[in-house]
Protein backbone atom coordinates (compact mmCIF):
# COMPACT_ATOMS: atom_id res chain seq x y z
CA MET A 1 -4.94 13.12 -7.14
CA LYS A 2 -5.16 10.96 -10.25
CA HIS A 3 -6.19 7.37 -9.63
CA VAL A 4 -5.50 4.47 -11.97
CA LYS A 5 -8.33 3.00 -14.02
CA CYS A 6 -8.89 -0.03 -11.77
CA TYR A 7 -8.99 1.90 -8.47
CA ILE A 8 -11.85 1.05 -6.10
CA HIS A 9 -12.13 2.94 -2.82
CA GLU A 10 -11.14 0.74 0.16
CA TYR A 11 -10.21 -2.18 -2.10
CA PRO A 12 -7.37 -3.83 -0.16
CA ARG A 13 -5.32 -5.23 -3.09
CA PRO A 14 -4.87 -2.30 -5.50
CA GLN A 15 -2.78 -4.09 -8.15
CA PHE A 16 -5.04 -7.10 -8.59
CA VAL A 17 -8.58 -5.72 -8.66
CA ARG A 18 -11.86 -7.53 -9.24
CA SER A 19 -15.23 -5.80 -9.20
CA ASP A 20 -17.07 -8.68 -7.52
CA TRP A 21 -16.02 -8.45 -3.88
CA GLN A 22 -17.32 -7.81 -0.35
CA ASN A 23 -15.55 -5.88 2.40
CA LEU A 24 -15.85 -7.73 5.73
CA ASN A 25 -14.44 -4.91 7.85
CA GLY A 26 -16.77 -3.71 10.59
CA GLU A 27 -18.40 -5.24 13.64
CA TRP A 28 -17.58 -8.88 14.44
CA ASP A 29 -18.23 -11.02 17.48
CA PHE A 30 -15.10 -11.43 19.60
CA ALA A 31 -13.66 -13.19 22.63
CA PHE A 32 -10.41 -13.63 24.47
CA GLY A 33 -9.31 -17.23 24.56
CA ASN A 34 -9.92 -17.64 28.29
CA GLU A 35 -13.56 -16.55 27.94
CA VAL A 36 -14.87 -19.35 25.71
CA THR A 37 -14.56 -23.04 25.00
CA GLU A 38 -13.21 -24.23 21.66
CA ASN A 39 -16.61 -25.66 20.70
CA ASP A 40 -18.44 -22.42 21.43
CA ALA A 41 -15.81 -20.38 19.62
CA VAL A 42 -15.85 -22.34 16.35
CA SER A 43 -19.66 -22.19 16.46
CA GLY A 44 -19.53 -18.40 16.68
CA ASN A 45 -20.78 -18.06 20.26
CA LEU A 46 -18.61 -15.15 21.39
CA PRO A 47 -19.52 -12.65 24.13
CA ARG A 48 -17.93 -9.41 22.89
CA LYS A 49 -17.95 -7.12 19.87
CA ILE A 50 -14.92 -5.73 18.01
CA ASN A 51 -14.45 -3.41 15.08
CA VAL A 52 -12.27 -5.28 12.55
CA PRO A 53 -9.54 -4.70 11.41
CA PHE A 54 -8.50 -2.86 14.57
CA THR A 55 -6.91 -5.04 17.24
CA TYR A 56 -8.33 -5.23 20.74
CA GLU A 57 -5.42 -3.14 22.07
CA THR A 58 -6.58 -0.06 20.14
CA LYS A 59 -9.23 2.55 20.76
CA LEU A 60 -10.86 2.12 17.34
CA SER A 61 -11.47 -1.57 18.06
CA GLY A 62 -14.02 -0.57 20.69
CA ILE A 63 -12.18 -2.52 23.40
CA GLU A 64 -8.84 -0.74 24.07
CA ASP A 65 -7.23 -3.24 26.43
CA THR A 66 -3.42 -3.28 26.15
CA ALA A 67 -2.91 -6.38 28.32
CA GLN A 68 -1.48 -9.43 26.58
CA TYR A 69 -3.94 -12.15 25.59
CA HIS A 70 -2.28 -14.87 23.56
CA ILE A 71 -5.46 -16.32 22.01
CA VAL A 72 -8.31 -14.33 20.46
CA TRP A 73 -11.43 -15.42 18.57
CA TYR A 74 -13.52 -13.66 15.91
CA SER A 75 -16.79 -14.58 14.26
CA ARG A 76 -19.36 -13.27 11.78
CA ARG A 77 -21.74 -14.58 9.11
CA ILE A 78 -20.67 -14.68 5.46
CA THR A 79 -22.46 -15.62 2.25
CA GLY A 80 -21.41 -17.08 -1.07
CA LYS A 81 -22.74 -16.59 -4.60
CA GLN A 82 -24.48 -19.14 -6.75
CA GLY A 83 -22.15 -20.52 -9.42
CA LYS A 84 -19.07 -18.76 -8.02
CA ARG A 85 -16.11 -19.76 -5.88
CA THR A 86 -15.89 -17.74 -2.64
CA ILE A 87 -12.38 -16.73 -1.63
CA ILE A 88 -11.67 -15.16 1.75
CA ASN A 89 -8.62 -12.90 1.96
CA PHE A 90 -6.79 -11.75 5.08
CA GLU A 91 -4.39 -8.87 4.48
CA GLY A 92 -2.73 -9.48 7.84
CA ALA A 93 -3.38 -11.42 11.05
CA ASP A 94 -0.83 -11.91 13.82
CA TYR A 95 0.41 -14.64 14.21
CA ASP A 96 -0.88 -18.26 13.89
CA THR A 97 -4.32 -18.10 12.32
CA GLU A 98 -6.92 -20.84 12.01
CA VAL A 99 -10.00 -20.25 9.84
CA TYR A 100 -13.25 -22.18 10.35
CA VAL A 101 -16.53 -22.11 8.44
CA ASN A 102 -19.58 -23.76 9.98
CA SER A 103 -17.29 -25.29 12.63
CA GLU A 104 -15.03 -26.98 10.05
CA LEU A 105 -11.35 -26.08 9.78
CA VAL A 106 -10.68 -24.48 6.40
CA GLY A 107 -6.98 -23.75 6.76
CA LYS A 108 -4.11 -22.37 8.81
CA HIS A 109 -1.56 -19.62 8.24
CA ARG A 110 1.62 -18.65 10.09
CA GLY A 111 2.93 -15.11 9.97
CA ALA A 112 1.98 -11.58 11.01
CA TYR A 113 2.72 -9.43 7.98
CA SER A 114 1.79 -11.36 4.82
CA ARG A 115 -1.51 -11.77 3.00
CA PHE A 116 -3.21 -15.18 2.86
CA SER A 117 -6.38 -16.60 1.32
CA PHE A 118 -8.64 -19.65 1.49
CA ASP A 119 -11.34 -20.97 -0.81
CA VAL A 120 -14.33 -21.48 1.49
CA THR A 121 -16.91 -22.42 -1.15
CA ASP A 122 -17.29 -26.06 -0.17
CA TYR A 123 -17.80 -25.19 3.50
CA LEU A 124 -20.78 -22.87 2.92
CA ASN A 125 -24.46 -23.81 3.03
CA ASP A 126 -27.09 -22.35 0.73
CA ASP A 127 -27.49 -19.43 3.13
CA GLY A 128 -23.77 -19.01 3.76
CA GLY A 129 -22.25 -19.86 7.09
CA ILE A 130 -20.51 -18.82 10.27
CA LEU A 131 -16.91 -17.71 9.78
CA SER A 132 -14.77 -18.18 12.89
CA VAL A 133 -11.14 -17.12 13.19
CA LYS A 134 -8.67 -18.07 15.90
CA CYS A 135 -5.41 -16.16 16.27
CA ILE A 136 -2.60 -17.34 18.53
CA ASP A 137 0.09 -14.73 19.17
CA LEU A 138 2.72 -15.67 21.72
CA ASP A 139 5.47 -13.30 22.82
CA LEU A 140 8.11 -15.37 21.04
CA SER A 141 11.25 -13.77 19.67
CA VAL A 142 11.70 -16.31 16.84
CA GLN A 143 8.79 -14.80 14.90
CA MET A 144 8.70 -11.50 13.06
CA ARG A 145 7.73 -8.91 15.67
CA GLY A 146 8.96 -5.61 14.30
CA LYS A 147 8.38 -2.90 16.90
CA GLN A 148 5.87 -4.93 18.93
CA ARG A 149 6.86 -5.23 22.57
CA TRP A 150 7.14 -8.59 24.32
CA GLU A 151 7.13 -7.11 27.82
CA SER A 152 3.99 -6.04 29.67
CA SER A 153 4.77 -2.34 29.18
CA SER A 154 6.12 -0.31 26.27
CA TYR A 155 9.69 0.92 26.56
CA GLY A 156 12.34 2.67 24.47
CA CYS A 157 11.27 2.35 20.85
CA TRP A 158 9.06 -0.72 21.30
CA TYR A 159 5.32 -0.29 21.39
CA VAL A 160 2.08 -2.01 22.38
CA GLN A 161 1.79 -5.45 20.76
CA THR A 162 -0.56 -6.15 17.85
CA THR A 163 -2.69 -9.28 18.32
CA GLY A 164 -4.95 -10.96 15.81
CA ILE A 165 -6.56 -9.41 12.73
CA TRP A 166 -4.99 -6.02 11.99
CA LYS A 167 -5.57 -5.58 8.26
CA SER A 168 -8.63 -5.83 6.04
CA VAL A 169 -10.62 -9.03 5.62
CA TRP A 170 -12.66 -9.44 2.45
CA LEU A 171 -14.38 -11.85 0.09
CA GLU A 172 -14.12 -12.11 -3.66
CA TYR A 173 -16.22 -14.23 -5.98
CA VAL A 174 -14.60 -15.99 -8.95
CA ASP A 175 -15.25 -18.60 -11.62
CA ASP A 176 -13.68 -22.05 -11.32
CA THR A 177 -11.15 -20.80 -13.87
CA HIS A 178 -9.61 -17.53 -12.75
CA LEU A 179 -6.37 -15.59 -12.62
CA THR A 180 -4.17 -16.51 -9.66
CA LYS A 181 -0.90 -14.68 -10.36
CA LEU A 182 0.23 -11.47 -12.02
CA LYS A 183 3.88 -10.43 -11.91
CA ILE A 184 4.80 -7.34 -13.94
CA THR A 185 8.41 -6.52 -14.83
CA PRO A 186 9.16 -3.41 -16.93
CA ASN A 187 12.43 -3.24 -18.87
CA LEU A 188 13.59 0.22 -19.89
CA ALA A 189 16.42 -1.17 -22.03
CA ASP A 190 14.06 -2.40 -24.76
CA SER A 191 10.83 -0.59 -23.78
CA SER A 192 9.15 -3.85 -22.93
CA VAL A 193 7.14 -5.20 -20.04
CA ALA A 194 6.98 -8.86 -19.03
CA PHE A 195 3.80 -10.37 -17.60
CA GLU A 196 3.96 -13.63 -15.68
CA ILE A 197 0.47 -15.05 -15.16
CA GLY A 198 -1.09 -18.06 -13.52
CA VAL A 199 -4.59 -19.51 -13.72
CA SER A 200 -6.45 -21.84 -11.39
CA GLU A 201 -7.28 -24.44 -14.04
CA PRO A 202 -4.76 -24.24 -16.90
CA ALA A 203 -5.92 -25.87 -20.12
CA TYR A 204 -5.56 -25.60 -23.90
CA ASP A 205 -8.97 -23.93 -24.17
CA VAL A 206 -8.01 -21.18 -21.67
CA ASP A 207 -6.30 -18.01 -22.85
CA VAL A 208 -5.43 -14.70 -21.24
CA CYS A 209 -5.64 -11.32 -22.97
CA ILE A 210 -3.59 -8.40 -21.65
CA GLU A 211 -4.52 -4.85 -22.67
CA VAL A 212 -2.20 -1.93 -21.85
CA SER A 213 -3.33 1.70 -21.94
CA ILE A 214 -2.33 5.07 -20.54
CA ASN A 215 -4.51 8.11 -19.93
CA GLY A 216 -7.40 6.30 -21.57
CA SER A 217 -5.55 5.55 -24.81
CA ALA A 218 -4.81 1.98 -25.88
CA VAL A 219 -1.11 1.17 -26.23
CA GLN A 220 -0.67 -2.57 -26.81
CA THR A 221 -2.50 -5.89 -26.56
CA ALA A 222 -1.11 -9.39 -26.12
CA SER A 223 -2.57 -12.86 -25.65
CA ILE A 224 -1.16 -15.99 -24.10
CA SER A 225 -2.42 -19.54 -23.88
CA ALA A 226 -2.90 -20.72 -20.31
CA ARG A 227 -2.09 -24.37 -20.87
CA ASP A 228 0.45 -24.43 -18.02
CA ILE A 229 0.19 -23.24 -14.43
CA ASP A 230 2.58 -20.36 -15.09
CA ASN A 231 3.11 -18.58 -18.38
CA SER A 232 4.83 -15.37 -19.36
CA VAL A 233 4.68 -12.93 -22.22
CA SER A 234 6.85 -9.92 -22.95
CA VAL A 235 5.21 -6.94 -24.64
CA ARG A 236 7.16 -4.21 -26.43
CA LEU A 237 5.47 -0.85 -26.28
CA ASP A 238 7.38 0.81 -29.13
CA SER A 239 7.55 -1.89 -31.76
CA GLY A 240 5.74 -2.61 -35.00
CA ASN A 241 2.96 -0.14 -35.68
CA VAL A 242 3.04 1.25 -32.15
CA THR A 243 4.08 4.90 -32.11
CA HIS A 244 3.66 5.38 -28.38
CA ARG A 245 6.46 7.27 -26.63
CA ILE A 246 7.33 5.57 -23.35
CA GLU A 247 6.43 7.59 -20.28
CA LEU A 248 8.71 6.96 -17.31
CA TRP A 249 7.58 6.84 -13.70
CA SER A 250 9.42 9.21 -11.37
CA ILE A 251 8.75 11.28 -8.27
CA TRP A 252 8.30 14.28 -10.56
CA ASN A 253 6.01 12.54 -13.04
CA PRO A 254 4.42 9.36 -11.63
CA ALA A 255 3.17 8.10 -15.00
CA LEU A 256 1.33 4.79 -14.72
CA TYR A 257 0.08 2.38 -17.37
CA ASP A 258 -3.31 0.73 -16.87
CA VAL A 259 -3.63 -3.00 -17.46
CA GLU A 260 -6.75 -5.09 -17.97
CA ILE A 261 -6.40 -8.87 -17.92
CA THR A 262 -9.21 -11.00 -19.32
CA VAL A 263 -9.34 -14.78 -18.87
CA ARG A 264 -11.37 -16.68 -21.44
CA LYS A 265 -12.42 -20.33 -21.53
CA ASN A 266 -13.74 -21.67 -24.82
CA GLY A 267 -13.97 -18.08 -25.97
CA SER A 268 -16.16 -16.93 -23.06
CA THR A 269 -14.92 -14.44 -20.47
CA VAL A 270 -14.61 -16.05 -17.02
CA ASP A 271 -12.48 -13.49 -15.15
CA LYS A 272 -11.35 -9.87 -15.40
CA VAL A 273 -8.63 -8.25 -13.29
CA GLY A 274 -7.46 -4.65 -13.31
CA SER A 275 -3.88 -3.62 -12.58
CA TYR A 276 -1.20 -1.09 -13.51
CA PHE A 277 2.56 -0.64 -13.71
CA GLY A 278 5.19 2.06 -13.98
CA PHE A 279 8.23 2.20 -16.23
CA ARG A 280 11.11 3.00 -13.91
CA GLU A 281 14.60 1.79 -13.20
CA TYR A 282 16.19 2.20 -9.76
CA THR A 283 19.77 0.99 -9.93
CA VAL A 284 23.11 1.11 -8.16
CA LYS A 285 26.10 1.98 -10.32
CA ASN A 286 29.56 3.45 -9.73
CA GLY A 287 28.82 4.30 -6.12
CA LYS A 288 25.61 6.15 -6.97
CA ILE A 289 21.89 5.46 -6.88
CA LEU A 290 20.20 6.14 -10.19
CA LEU A 291 16.52 6.66 -10.97
CA ASN A 292 15.94 6.11 -14.68
CA GLY A 293 19.65 6.55 -15.29
CA GLU A 294 19.97 9.85 -13.42
CA PRO A 295 21.55 10.35 -9.97
CA PHE A 296 18.93 10.20 -7.22
CA TYR A 297 19.59 11.78 -3.84
CA SER A 298 17.43 10.13 -1.16
CA LYS A 299 15.71 12.51 1.25
CA LEU A 300 13.83 9.97 3.32
CA LEU A 301 11.91 9.86 6.56
CA LEU A 302 11.85 6.88 8.88
CA ASP A 303 8.18 5.91 9.01
CA GLN A 304 6.94 3.47 11.66
CA GLY A 305 3.35 3.46 10.37
CA TYR A 306 1.59 3.79 13.75
CA TRP A 307 -1.48 5.81 14.66
CA SER A 308 -2.49 6.87 18.17
CA LYS A 309 -6.00 5.35 18.06
CA SER A 310 -5.37 2.35 15.86
CA GLY A 311 -1.79 1.13 16.33
CA MET A 312 -0.30 -0.42 13.18
CA THR A 313 -3.64 -0.26 11.35
CA PRO A 314 -4.37 2.97 9.47
CA PRO A 315 -7.62 4.52 10.77
CA ASP A 316 -8.86 4.75 7.17
CA GLU A 317 -7.55 4.81 3.62
CA ALA A 318 -7.17 8.59 3.62
CA ALA A 319 -4.65 8.38 6.47
CA LEU A 320 -2.20 6.63 4.15
CA SER A 321 -2.23 9.31 1.46
CA GLU A 322 -2.17 12.04 4.12
CA ASP A 323 1.15 10.79 5.50
CA ILE A 324 2.64 10.93 2.02
CA ARG A 325 1.23 14.40 1.40
CA LEU A 326 2.71 15.74 4.63
CA ALA A 327 6.12 14.18 3.94
CA LYS A 328 6.19 15.64 0.42
CA GLU A 329 5.14 19.06 1.71
CA MET A 330 8.15 18.99 4.04
CA GLY A 331 10.42 18.35 1.04
CA PHE A 332 11.13 14.64 1.50
CA ASN A 333 10.99 12.31 -1.50
CA GLY A 334 10.41 8.99 0.23
CA VAL A 335 10.23 6.89 3.37
CA ARG A 336 11.96 3.92 4.86
CA LYS A 337 8.99 1.92 6.15
CA HIS A 338 10.50 0.72 9.39
CA GLN A 339 9.90 -2.75 10.85
CA LYS A 340 6.57 -3.20 9.14
CA ASN A 341 5.01 -4.48 5.93
CA GLU A 342 2.62 -1.61 5.39
CA ASP A 343 -0.96 -1.80 4.16
CA GLU A 344 -0.56 -2.28 0.39
CA ARG A 345 -2.66 0.79 -0.28
CA PHE A 346 0.22 2.88 1.06
CA PHE A 347 2.39 1.68 -1.83
CA TYR A 348 -0.51 2.42 -4.18
CA TYR A 349 -0.66 6.03 -3.03
CA ALA A 350 3.13 6.29 -3.25
CA ASP A 351 2.79 5.01 -6.84
CA ILE A 352 0.25 7.60 -7.91
CA MET A 353 1.70 10.51 -5.87
CA GLY A 354 5.35 10.08 -6.90
CA PHE A 355 7.05 8.97 -3.70
CA VAL A 356 9.64 6.25 -3.11
CA ALA A 357 9.44 3.66 -0.35
CA TRP A 358 11.79 1.14 1.19
CA CYS A 359 10.17 -2.09 2.40
CA GLU A 360 11.83 -3.56 5.49
CA MET A 361 11.54 -7.00 7.03
CA PRO A 362 10.08 -6.81 10.55
CA SER A 363 12.67 -8.19 12.92
CA ASN A 364 12.76 -11.32 14.97
CA TYR A 365 14.85 -11.08 18.15
CA TRP A 366 16.39 -14.51 18.52
CA PHE A 367 18.30 -16.66 16.08
CA ASN A 368 17.77 -20.40 15.73
CA ASP A 369 16.48 -22.89 13.17
CA GLU A 370 12.85 -22.01 13.92
CA ALA A 371 13.52 -18.33 13.26
CA VAL A 372 15.22 -19.18 9.96
CA LYS A 373 12.22 -21.24 8.89
CA ASN A 374 9.62 -18.64 9.92
CA ILE A 375 11.41 -15.66 8.42
CA SER A 376 12.30 -17.28 5.11
CA ALA A 377 8.68 -18.23 4.42
CA GLU A 378 7.09 -14.96 5.48
CA TRP A 379 9.66 -12.71 3.80
CA THR A 380 9.19 -14.57 0.50
CA ASP A 381 5.45 -13.87 0.67
CA ILE A 382 6.06 -10.19 1.42
CA VAL A 383 8.42 -9.74 -1.54
CA ILE A 384 6.03 -11.43 -3.96
CA GLN A 385 3.07 -9.48 -2.58
CA ASN A 386 4.66 -6.05 -3.08
CA TYR A 387 6.78 -6.73 -6.17
CA ASN A 388 4.71 -4.84 -8.75
CA HIS A 389 4.74 -1.42 -7.08
CA PRO A 390 7.02 1.08 -8.89
CA SER A 391 7.33 3.25 -5.79
CA LEU A 392 8.94 0.41 -3.85
CA VAL A 393 12.64 0.77 -4.65
CA THR A 394 14.65 -1.03 -1.93
CA TRP A 395 14.38 -4.14 0.22
CA VAL A 396 15.82 -4.09 3.75
CA LEU A 397 16.48 -7.45 5.40
CA PHE A 398 17.79 -6.96 8.94
CA ASN A 399 18.02 -3.82 11.05
CA GLU A 400 20.90 -3.13 13.46
CA SER A 401 21.58 -6.87 13.84
CA TRP A 402 18.23 -7.44 15.58
CA GLY A 403 17.65 -11.18 15.58
CA VAL A 404 21.20 -11.79 14.34
CA GLY A 405 23.10 -10.27 17.21
CA SER A 406 26.38 -12.05 16.49
CA ILE A 407 26.39 -11.50 12.74
CA SER A 408 29.74 -9.69 12.88
CA SER A 409 31.51 -13.04 13.42
CA ASN A 410 28.90 -15.82 13.49
CA SER A 411 29.03 -17.72 10.20
CA LYS A 412 25.50 -19.15 10.55
CA GLN A 413 23.98 -15.71 10.94
CA GLN A 414 26.09 -14.35 8.11
CA ASN A 415 25.01 -17.24 5.89
CA PHE A 416 21.38 -16.55 6.71
CA ALA A 417 21.67 -12.87 5.74
CA VAL A 418 23.47 -13.80 2.51
CA SER A 419 20.91 -16.49 1.71
CA LEU A 420 18.03 -14.01 2.18
CA TYR A 421 19.87 -11.58 -0.08
CA TYR A 422 20.13 -14.12 -2.90
CA MET A 423 16.66 -15.53 -2.29
CA THR A 424 15.22 -12.03 -2.69
CA LYS A 425 17.34 -11.53 -5.82
CA SER A 426 15.94 -14.78 -7.22
CA ILE A 427 12.50 -13.15 -7.15
CA ASP A 428 13.49 -9.55 -7.83
CA THR A 429 16.53 -8.38 -9.80
CA MET A 430 15.12 -4.84 -10.17
CA ARG A 431 15.81 -3.49 -6.70
CA PRO A 432 18.87 -3.04 -4.46
CA ILE A 433 18.94 -4.98 -1.20
CA ILE A 434 20.37 -3.98 2.17
CA SER A 435 21.48 -6.89 4.33
CA ASN A 436 21.67 -5.30 7.80
CA ASP A 437 20.67 -1.67 7.93
CA GLY A 438 22.88 0.49 10.12
CA TRP A 439 26.06 -1.55 10.46
CA VAL A 440 27.71 -5.00 10.12
CA HIS A 441 26.64 -5.60 6.52
CA THR A 442 27.22 -8.86 4.74
CA LYS A 443 26.30 -8.97 1.04
CA SER A 444 24.62 -5.61 0.43
CA ASP A 445 23.94 -3.30 -2.53
CA ILE A 446 23.99 -0.14 -0.40
CA LEU A 447 26.13 0.68 2.63
CA THR A 448 23.92 2.22 5.30
CA ILE A 449 24.95 3.96 8.52
CA HIS A 450 23.01 4.87 11.66
CA HIS A 451 24.34 7.63 13.86
CA TYR A 452 22.35 9.79 16.26
CA GLU A 453 24.90 12.50 16.89
CA GLN A 454 22.89 15.66 17.61
CA ARG A 455 25.46 18.22 16.45
CA GLY A 456 26.01 18.61 12.74
CA ASP A 457 29.61 19.81 13.10
CA ARG A 458 30.47 16.77 15.21
CA LEU A 459 28.80 14.40 12.71
CA LEU A 460 30.77 15.96 9.86
CA CYS A 461 33.99 15.65 11.82
CA LEU A 462 33.39 11.95 12.45
CA TYR A 463 32.63 11.16 8.80
CA ASP A 464 34.62 13.72 6.82
CA SER A 465 36.11 11.15 4.48
CA ARG A 466 34.89 8.11 2.53
CA THR A 467 37.40 6.00 4.48
CA LYS A 468 35.68 6.86 7.76
CA LEU A 469 32.34 6.06 6.20
CA THR A 470 33.38 2.71 4.79
CA GLU A 471 35.69 1.55 7.58
CA GLY A 472 33.81 3.10 10.49
CA TYR A 473 35.07 5.23 13.34
CA SER A 474 33.75 2.87 16.03
CA LYS A 475 36.05 0.51 17.91
CA ASN A 476 33.02 -1.66 18.68
CA PRO A 477 33.06 -4.63 16.26
CA GLN A 478 29.29 -4.91 16.62
CA LYS A 479 28.88 -1.51 14.94
CA LEU A 480 31.53 -1.55 12.22
CA PRO A 481 30.21 -1.18 8.67
CA PHE A 482 30.94 -4.77 7.62
CA ALA A 483 30.91 -8.21 9.19
CA ASP A 484 34.07 -10.32 9.30
CA GLY A 485 34.94 -11.52 5.81
CA PHE A 486 33.03 -8.72 4.06
CA SER A 487 34.35 -5.35 2.92
CA TYR A 488 33.43 -2.24 1.01
CA GLU A 489 32.98 -2.85 -2.73
CA GLY A 490 32.11 0.64 -3.97
CA GLN A 491 28.45 0.69 -2.92
CA PRO A 492 26.50 3.94 -2.54
CA VAL A 493 26.42 5.18 1.06
CA ILE A 494 23.37 6.53 2.89
CA PHE A 495 22.83 7.65 6.47
CA THR A 496 19.61 5.70 7.03
CA GLU A 497 19.04 6.89 10.59
CA ILE A 498 20.04 10.35 11.78
CA GLY A 499 18.48 12.96 14.03
CA GLY A 500 15.83 11.43 16.24
CA THR A 501 15.78 14.66 18.23
CA ARG A 502 13.55 14.41 21.27
CA TYR A 503 10.93 17.16 21.23
CA SER A 504 9.64 16.66 24.77
CA GLN A 505 10.96 16.71 28.31
CA SER A 506 9.12 13.50 29.19
CA GLY A 507 9.21 11.30 26.09
CA TRP A 508 11.89 9.00 24.71
CA GLY A 509 14.27 10.05 21.96
CA TYR A 510 17.90 10.85 21.21
CA GLY A 511 20.02 13.53 22.83
CA ASP A 512 18.87 16.38 25.02
CA SER A 513 15.36 17.53 24.18
CA VAL A 514 14.91 20.84 22.42
CA GLN A 515 13.09 23.58 24.29
CA ASN A 516 11.18 25.10 21.36
CA GLY A 517 10.70 25.13 17.61
CA ASP A 518 13.52 27.57 16.93
CA GLU A 519 16.02 25.40 18.80
CA PHE A 520 14.80 22.35 16.89
CA LEU A 521 15.20 24.03 13.49
CA VAL A 522 18.77 25.04 14.33
CA ARG A 523 19.67 21.47 15.27
CA PHE A 524 17.78 19.97 12.33
CA SER A 525 19.44 22.35 9.89
CA SER A 526 22.93 21.58 11.21
CA LEU A 527 22.40 17.83 10.78
CA ILE A 528 20.98 18.04 7.26
CA LYS A 529 23.73 20.42 6.12
CA ALA A 530 26.39 18.14 7.58
CA VAL A 531 25.08 15.10 5.73
CA GLU A 532 24.74 17.03 2.48
CA ALA A 533 28.38 18.11 2.79
CA ILE A 534 29.51 14.47 2.71
CA ASP A 535 29.83 12.67 -0.63
CA ILE A 536 27.01 10.18 -0.15
CA SER A 537 23.65 9.33 -1.74
CA GLY A 538 21.26 10.66 0.85
CA TYR A 539 19.80 10.30 4.31
CA CYS A 540 16.82 9.10 6.28
CA TYR A 541 15.73 11.33 9.16
CA THR A 542 14.16 9.81 12.27
CA GLN A 543 11.22 10.26 12.05
CA LEU A 544 7.87 11.22 10.50
CA THR A 545 5.67 11.05 13.62
CA ASP A 546 5.78 10.44 17.34
CA VAL A 547 4.84 6.89 18.35
CA GLU A 548 3.53 6.27 21.88
CA GLN A 549 6.37 7.22 24.25
CA GLU A 550 8.77 8.03 21.39
CA THR A 551 8.64 11.79 20.83
CA ASN A 552 11.18 12.41 18.08
CA GLY A 553 8.72 12.87 15.21
CA LEU A 554 8.49 15.93 13.00
CA LEU A 555 4.75 15.48 13.57
CA THR A 556 2.81 14.36 16.61
CA ALA A 557 1.16 10.95 16.65
CA GLU A 558 -2.04 12.76 15.59
CA ARG A 559 -0.19 14.26 12.58
CA LYS A 560 -0.11 17.78 14.00
CA VAL A 561 2.89 19.93 13.11
CA LYS A 562 5.43 20.82 15.79
CA VAL A 563 7.32 23.38 13.74
CA SER A 564 6.48 25.11 10.49
CA ILE A 565 6.33 22.74 7.53
CA ASP A 566 7.60 25.58 5.33
CA GLU A 567 10.66 26.04 7.54
CA ILE A 568 11.43 22.31 7.39
CA LYS A 569 11.03 22.37 3.61
CA LYS A 570 13.49 25.26 3.29
CA ILE A 571 16.13 23.13 5.03
CA VAL A 572 15.35 19.87 3.21
CA MET A 573 15.07 21.39 -0.28
């Protein structure tokens, strides 16, 4: 496996890397909200221990209590560095988070799936201070929940809730003047790449130098004055005296360019950040999906991103690359990350291993003004956070009308889906967007269909023409391809949920359970062959692994094979 130049093991933010950092994962003090007073909690007087970033519901946390506690507290000591600003970063904490240092409130954040940061420098003493974190996570359906249950027990395809800190927490140390933003946009049409940068203290004596290289060889250098909060520069990689031949990123050749960004003030270096990018173009044209101008047939797996001992949190960094390795070995070329904004290191490994990923908005389950407000803010953060990854090729807004249950005819819900579509486009014009995966699309770049028919011949009979695909066979208006007022406009078509075959007598899944591996392979083969016989752009099979009571994975929750990987690959390839 070939890492990029800036890679640091366990570094949580792989496309914006600084060398001066401290990982805060490990043992923290902990308490449930009913065990402590507010004064004791902000002072760090907590009775339990927990292994961050694993939530108290999981085995790896050291607690493993799946009951619902709506308030949790964390605490540990942190230290700063002389002459540096100390920034604390939370990759994910669910849902309302309050951060205190030495009993003083530093800041608040709302959301479960987006990264957030606070500058804690002015709250630290000479010897550091006590960091205390309060997380409030109610079982409300107006917040992004994804697959987290809101009942006391798991059921169907909803799993144990995730409460509090569930992604890495870490410190980084920076100068007063430092890089705050890096947005990278490659353009294959003119072999250029645009860099949008921001600095904390823009001034005429601050400049930013960008150096691009590949495989250790310098390609191009550019400089920009940081006199404004946001600046941009576009760099051509085949102009002037540059003789470099552009290398494109693809699943067959995941070529990546290294980037080093240096911030200087009065000529002196005050910050250095490492990053990378890939030249690739993933477009929709004439009813087809194209990767770098060539037709791309999606062979995806639905991937929930759960582990048996750690819930939504990967047990370690290696677990992320292992999931990709197993999926590739089975012949699949990507995943639809389902109802979760995955640990960013997953997208990093997809970048370097040549694997495409769809990023999906975790669903709310009730529609009102509060839901609109919460979702709009958090989804914007998620899109900006993941924008630079070349492996990320599609944004998915809603899934099966969850949270917008009347979208087929309700103009408010339709307007919300359309507004999210255009809001996402205002940030990212590079990627196609799906408005409501499965059915009842509004404005959408791809038409997606969910159907869990277990017999391939029956599936082919139902969808043996493009008319049946685009108009739908269902008489249920809640499951027709398009909402009222919207119609097919020549988009590519993908079955984004098929299969889901239950591989257990006791678990939950679709259809009658198979009795053995041979029976499964027959059914699996019939479904894949049926989809491939239809003139569409691919499929997404449900799913990569079992999750809790859901037993329709190709792998167990522990990533053990159920049937031969080679036999699956023969069918998929």
